[in-house]
Amino acid sequence: MGCAMGDLQTLDLVFFAGGTFTAAFVTGLAGFAFGIVAAAVWLHFLAPTQVTPLIVAFALIVQGVSVWKLRHAIKLDRLWPFILGSALGVPFGAALLRLAPASQMRMTIGILLVAFSLYTWFRPNSAIMSRVGPLADTGIGVVNGIIGGATGLAGIAVVVWCNLRGWPAAEQRAVFQPSGVATFVMIVLWLGGTGMIGADSAWLFLLGLPVLALGTWAGLKSFGRLNDAAFRRVVLVLLLLSGASLLLRAG
């Protein structure tokens, strides 16, 4: 059961606003991780049934704004394999969500993210997949759709793949962010229509909008000041923290 607005203390609302700002800032800066950052704060005082629709609504706004900012850098010929693959993978991920224990899913993805982050951090030359083509990109899109449908982490697989491809920061974001948005929309459409968005979630959504806008603006401004090496470090740290948070939740 969810927490009614009247049950939330002033401190809870402060933490809600702080979590919203931080998640929006991180997403504006790195292009992903809104759900993981927000859930790490919100789940301490909100029920999962409230957190999930809030993440969906807020993440789509933040990601949509960021994708609009990057629209001139988007290359459809590079993007379409990932979106096609995600469209194929999301239904399988949704089915896996119903069959596999959530704790096992979180632990598996968490181990993979931690292992990848540590491996890449200590191996500076990450462009080991620079010569692969659209077929491999489509395969990663399928994996992305499966992971997104099963865990809600839409875009994580493409983030990892773009890092392995060794593309510059702007090119990475022009791939993993729009493909993440597309995958997230597919997940919402596939899992939606169940009437899980209550009045309390709607009020919290309205309460968080101004903070969301401020955090997104600050994150986008900070991204413009990062060079490729700094961007890579930020992405790897966020992936490492994301993996660790999943392992803690699975424990």
Protein backbone atom coordinates (compact mmCIF):
# COMPACT_ATOMS: atom_id res chain seq x y z
CA MET A 1 0.00 0.00 0.00
CA GLY A 2 1.18 3.53 -0.68
CA CYS A 3 1.70 6.37 1.72
CA ALA A 4 -0.96 9.06 1.63
CA MET A 5 0.18 12.64 1.27
CA GLY A 6 -1.04 13.32 4.82
CA ASP A 7 1.20 10.54 6.16
CA LEU A 8 4.34 12.13 4.76
CA GLN A 9 6.29 14.30 7.19
CA THR A 10 7.85 17.63 6.20
CA LEU A 11 11.27 15.95 6.28
CA ASP A 12 9.99 13.28 3.87
CA LEU A 13 8.91 15.96 1.42
CA VAL A 14 12.32 17.64 1.74
CA PHE A 15 14.03 14.36 0.97
CA PHE A 16 11.62 13.79 -1.92
CA ALA A 17 12.55 17.16 -3.39
CA GLY A 18 16.25 16.53 -2.77
CA GLY A 19 16.11 13.11 -4.40
CA THR A 20 14.26 14.55 -7.38
CA PHE A 21 16.81 17.33 -7.85
CA THR A 22 19.78 14.97 -7.53
CA ALA A 23 18.33 12.43 -9.96
CA ALA A 24 17.49 15.15 -12.48
CA PHE A 25 20.95 16.70 -12.14
CA VAL A 26 22.69 13.35 -12.68
CA THR A 27 20.51 12.58 -15.69
CA GLY A 28 21.12 16.02 -17.18
CA LEU A 29 24.84 15.54 -16.65
CA ALA A 30 25.33 11.92 -17.72
CA GLY A 31 22.16 11.16 -19.70
CA PHE A 32 20.89 8.26 -17.58
CA ALA A 33 20.43 6.89 -14.02
CA PHE A 34 17.35 8.92 -13.01
CA GLY A 35 15.44 5.89 -11.75
CA ILE A 36 18.33 4.43 -9.76
CA VAL A 37 19.24 7.71 -8.07
CA ALA A 38 15.62 8.64 -7.31
CA ALA A 39 14.63 5.20 -6.05
CA ALA A 40 17.62 5.12 -3.70
CA VAL A 41 16.05 8.08 -1.85
CA TRP A 42 12.32 7.69 -2.41
CA LEU A 43 12.00 4.04 -1.38
CA HIS A 44 12.86 4.97 2.19
CA PHE A 45 9.45 6.62 2.66
CA LEU A 46 7.36 5.83 -0.44
CA ALA A 47 5.91 2.52 -1.55
CA PRO A 48 7.18 0.89 -4.78
CA THR A 49 3.72 1.35 -6.30
CA GLN A 50 4.21 5.11 -5.91
CA VAL A 51 7.88 5.20 -6.87
CA THR A 52 7.47 3.38 -10.18
CA PRO A 53 4.95 5.76 -11.84
CA LEU A 54 6.88 8.77 -10.51
CA ILE A 55 10.11 7.50 -12.06
CA VAL A 56 8.33 6.83 -15.35
CA ALA A 57 6.79 10.30 -15.51
CA PHE A 58 9.83 12.27 -14.35
CA ALA A 59 12.37 10.29 -16.37
CA LEU A 60 10.46 10.76 -19.59
CA ILE A 61 10.42 14.54 -19.03
CA VAL A 62 14.13 14.75 -18.15
CA GLN A 63 15.20 12.43 -20.94
CA GLY A 64 12.91 14.17 -23.41
CA VAL A 65 14.39 17.59 -22.62
CA SER A 66 17.93 16.23 -22.92
CA VAL A 67 17.19 14.49 -26.22
CA TRP A 68 15.70 17.73 -27.58
CA LYS A 69 18.90 19.54 -26.62
CA LEU A 70 20.93 16.90 -28.47
CA ARG A 71 18.62 16.59 -31.47
CA HIS A 72 21.15 18.00 -33.94
CA ALA A 73 23.72 15.39 -32.91
CA ILE A 74 21.36 12.43 -33.39
CA LYS A 75 22.21 10.18 -36.33
CA LEU A 76 19.25 8.00 -37.26
CA ASP A 77 21.39 5.52 -39.19
CA ARG A 78 23.35 4.86 -35.99
CA LEU A 79 20.29 4.91 -33.72
CA TRP A 80 17.74 2.70 -35.46
CA PRO A 81 19.41 -0.68 -34.77
CA PHE A 82 19.24 -0.07 -31.03
CA ILE A 83 15.57 0.97 -31.14
CA LEU A 84 14.65 -2.00 -33.34
CA GLY A 85 16.46 -4.37 -31.01
CA SER A 86 14.78 -2.87 -27.95
CA ALA A 87 11.36 -3.29 -29.56
CA LEU A 88 12.13 -6.99 -29.94
CA GLY A 89 13.55 -7.34 -26.44
CA VAL A 90 11.01 -5.49 -24.29
CA PRO A 91 8.26 -8.18 -24.50
CA PHE A 92 10.76 -10.86 -23.44
CA GLY A 93 11.94 -8.68 -20.57
CA ALA A 94 8.37 -8.11 -19.44
CA ALA A 95 7.77 -11.86 -19.50
CA LEU A 96 10.98 -12.41 -17.53
CA LEU A 97 9.78 -9.88 -14.98
CA ARG A 98 6.76 -12.08 -14.30
CA LEU A 99 8.79 -15.31 -14.08
CA ALA A 100 12.14 -14.49 -12.46
CA PRO A 101 12.52 -13.33 -8.84
CA ALA A 102 13.24 -9.60 -8.78
CA SER A 103 16.13 -10.08 -6.33
CA GLN A 104 17.92 -12.42 -8.73
CA MET A 105 17.44 -10.02 -11.63
CA ARG A 106 18.84 -7.09 -9.63
CA MET A 107 21.81 -9.16 -8.45
CA THR A 108 22.68 -10.37 -11.96
CA ILE A 109 22.55 -6.91 -13.51
CA GLY A 110 24.37 -5.41 -10.53
CA ILE A 111 27.27 -7.87 -10.84
CA LEU A 112 27.57 -7.19 -14.56
CA LEU A 113 27.61 -3.39 -14.06
CA VAL A 114 30.19 -3.52 -11.27
CA ALA A 115 32.41 -5.91 -13.23
CA PHE A 116 32.21 -3.79 -16.39
CA SER A 117 32.91 -0.53 -14.54
CA LEU A 118 35.96 -1.88 -12.75
CA TYR A 119 37.30 -3.59 -15.87
CA THR A 120 36.92 -0.50 -18.03
CA TRP A 121 38.27 1.84 -15.35
CA PHE A 122 41.55 -0.07 -15.18
CA ARG A 123 41.67 -0.58 -18.94
CA PRO A 124 41.78 3.01 -20.34
CA ASN A 125 41.51 2.04 -24.01
CA SER A 126 37.84 1.09 -24.07
CA ALA A 127 37.25 1.33 -27.82
CA ILE A 128 37.48 -2.43 -28.30
CA MET A 129 34.27 -2.69 -30.35
CA SER A 130 34.90 0.18 -32.74
CA ARG A 131 34.58 -1.92 -35.90
CA VAL A 132 31.36 -3.79 -35.26
CA GLY A 133 28.28 -2.98 -37.36
CA PRO A 134 24.49 -2.53 -37.16
CA LEU A 135 23.81 -6.23 -36.55
CA ALA A 136 25.79 -6.16 -33.31
CA ASP A 137 24.09 -2.88 -32.36
CA THR A 138 20.69 -4.51 -32.91
CA GLY A 139 21.74 -7.41 -30.69
CA ILE A 140 22.68 -4.97 -27.93
CA GLY A 141 19.31 -3.30 -28.46
CA VAL A 142 17.60 -6.64 -27.82
CA VAL A 143 19.61 -7.08 -24.62
CA ASN A 144 18.72 -3.51 -23.65
CA GLY A 145 15.02 -4.18 -24.20
CA ILE A 146 15.15 -7.38 -22.13
CA ILE A 147 16.98 -5.69 -19.25
CA GLY A 148 14.69 -2.65 -19.43
CA GLY A 149 11.53 -4.71 -19.51
CA ALA A 150 12.69 -6.90 -16.64
CA THR A 151 14.24 -4.29 -14.35
CA GLY A 152 13.22 -0.84 -15.64
CA LEU A 153 16.87 0.07 -16.37
CA ALA A 154 16.15 1.25 -19.89
CA GLY A 155 19.34 2.28 -21.66
CA ILE A 156 21.96 0.72 -19.37
CA ALA A 157 23.07 -1.88 -21.93
CA VAL A 158 23.45 0.78 -24.63
CA VAL A 159 25.45 2.99 -22.24
CA VAL A 160 27.89 0.13 -21.69
CA TRP A 161 28.07 -0.62 -25.41
CA CYS A 162 28.70 3.00 -26.40
CA ASN A 163 31.54 3.10 -23.89
CA LEU A 164 33.05 -0.03 -25.46
CA ARG A 165 32.64 1.54 -28.89
CA GLY A 166 34.83 4.44 -27.75
CA TRP A 167 32.66 7.19 -29.24
CA PRO A 168 33.08 10.81 -28.03
CA ALA A 169 30.79 11.96 -25.21
CA ALA A 170 28.32 13.84 -27.44
CA GLU A 171 28.04 10.88 -29.83
CA GLN A 172 27.48 8.47 -26.95
CA ARG A 173 24.66 10.60 -25.55
CA ALA A 174 23.14 11.00 -29.01
CA VAL A 175 22.78 7.21 -29.09
CA PHE A 176 22.10 5.92 -25.58
CA GLN A 177 19.78 8.74 -24.52
CA PRO A 178 17.22 8.66 -27.38
CA SER A 179 17.34 4.87 -27.49
CA GLY A 180 16.73 4.89 -23.73
CA VAL A 181 13.74 7.19 -24.15
CA ALA A 182 12.31 4.98 -26.90
CA THR A 183 12.82 1.86 -24.79
CA PHE A 184 11.25 3.51 -21.76
CA VAL A 185 8.19 4.47 -23.79
CA MET A 186 7.91 0.88 -25.03
CA ILE A 187 8.08 -0.42 -21.45
CA VAL A 188 5.42 2.03 -20.32
CA LEU A 189 3.14 1.02 -23.18
CA TRP A 190 3.74 -2.68 -22.60
CA LEU A 191 3.27 -2.61 -18.82
CA GLY A 192 0.83 0.31 -18.68
CA GLY A 193 -2.93 0.47 -18.58
CA THR A 194 -3.12 -1.12 -15.12
CA GLY A 195 -4.37 1.94 -13.23
CA MET A 196 -1.38 2.05 -10.85
CA ILE A 197 -1.04 5.85 -10.78
CA GLY A 198 -2.95 7.08 -7.76
CA ALA A 199 -3.89 10.57 -6.65
CA ASP A 200 -1.00 10.71 -4.15
CA SER A 201 1.53 10.01 -6.90
CA ALA A 202 -0.06 12.70 -9.05
CA TRP A 203 0.29 15.29 -6.25
CA LEU A 204 3.92 14.31 -5.67
CA PHE A 205 4.53 14.61 -9.39
CA LEU A 206 3.22 18.18 -9.40
CA LEU A 207 5.22 18.99 -6.28
CA GLY A 208 8.43 17.74 -7.84
CA LEU A 209 8.14 19.44 -11.25
CA PRO A 210 9.87 22.75 -10.31
CA VAL A 211 12.74 20.89 -8.62
CA LEU A 212 12.98 18.55 -11.60
CA ALA A 213 13.31 21.50 -13.98
CA LEU A 214 16.04 23.10 -11.85
CA GLY A 215 18.04 19.87 -11.54
CA THR A 216 17.80 19.13 -15.26
CA TRP A 217 18.96 22.65 -16.16
CA ALA A 218 21.93 22.43 -13.78
CA GLY A 219 22.91 19.01 -15.10
CA LEU A 220 22.78 20.07 -18.74
CA LYS A 221 24.89 23.14 -17.97
CA SER A 222 27.48 20.98 -16.22
CA PHE A 223 27.62 18.49 -19.10
CA GLY A 224 28.81 21.21 -21.47
CA ARG A 225 31.88 21.72 -19.27
CA LEU A 226 33.02 18.07 -19.36
CA ASN A 227 35.66 16.85 -21.78
CA ASP A 228 35.54 13.29 -23.11
CA ALA A 229 37.83 11.89 -20.40
CA ALA A 230 35.81 13.49 -17.59
CA PHE A 231 32.54 12.31 -19.14
CA ARG A 232 33.89 8.77 -19.33
CA ARG A 233 34.87 8.86 -15.65
CA VAL A 234 31.42 10.16 -14.64
CA VAL A 235 29.68 7.42 -16.63
CA LEU A 236 31.88 4.68 -15.14
CA VAL A 237 31.35 5.93 -11.58
CA LEU A 238 27.58 6.09 -12.11
CA LEU A 239 27.55 2.58 -13.58
CA LEU A 240 29.58 1.33 -10.61
CA LEU A 241 27.23 2.99 -8.12
CA SER A 242 24.22 1.70 -10.05
CA GLY A 243 25.53 -1.85 -9.88
CA ALA A 244 26.39 -1.55 -6.20
CA SER A 245 22.92 -0.17 -5.38
CA LEU A 246 21.29 -3.10 -7.16
CA LEU A 247 23.43 -5.57 -5.23
CA LEU A 248 22.47 -3.88 -1.94
CA ARG A 249 18.77 -4.01 -2.84
CA ALA A 250 19.10 -7.65 -3.82
CA GLY A 251 20.83 -8.52 -0.56
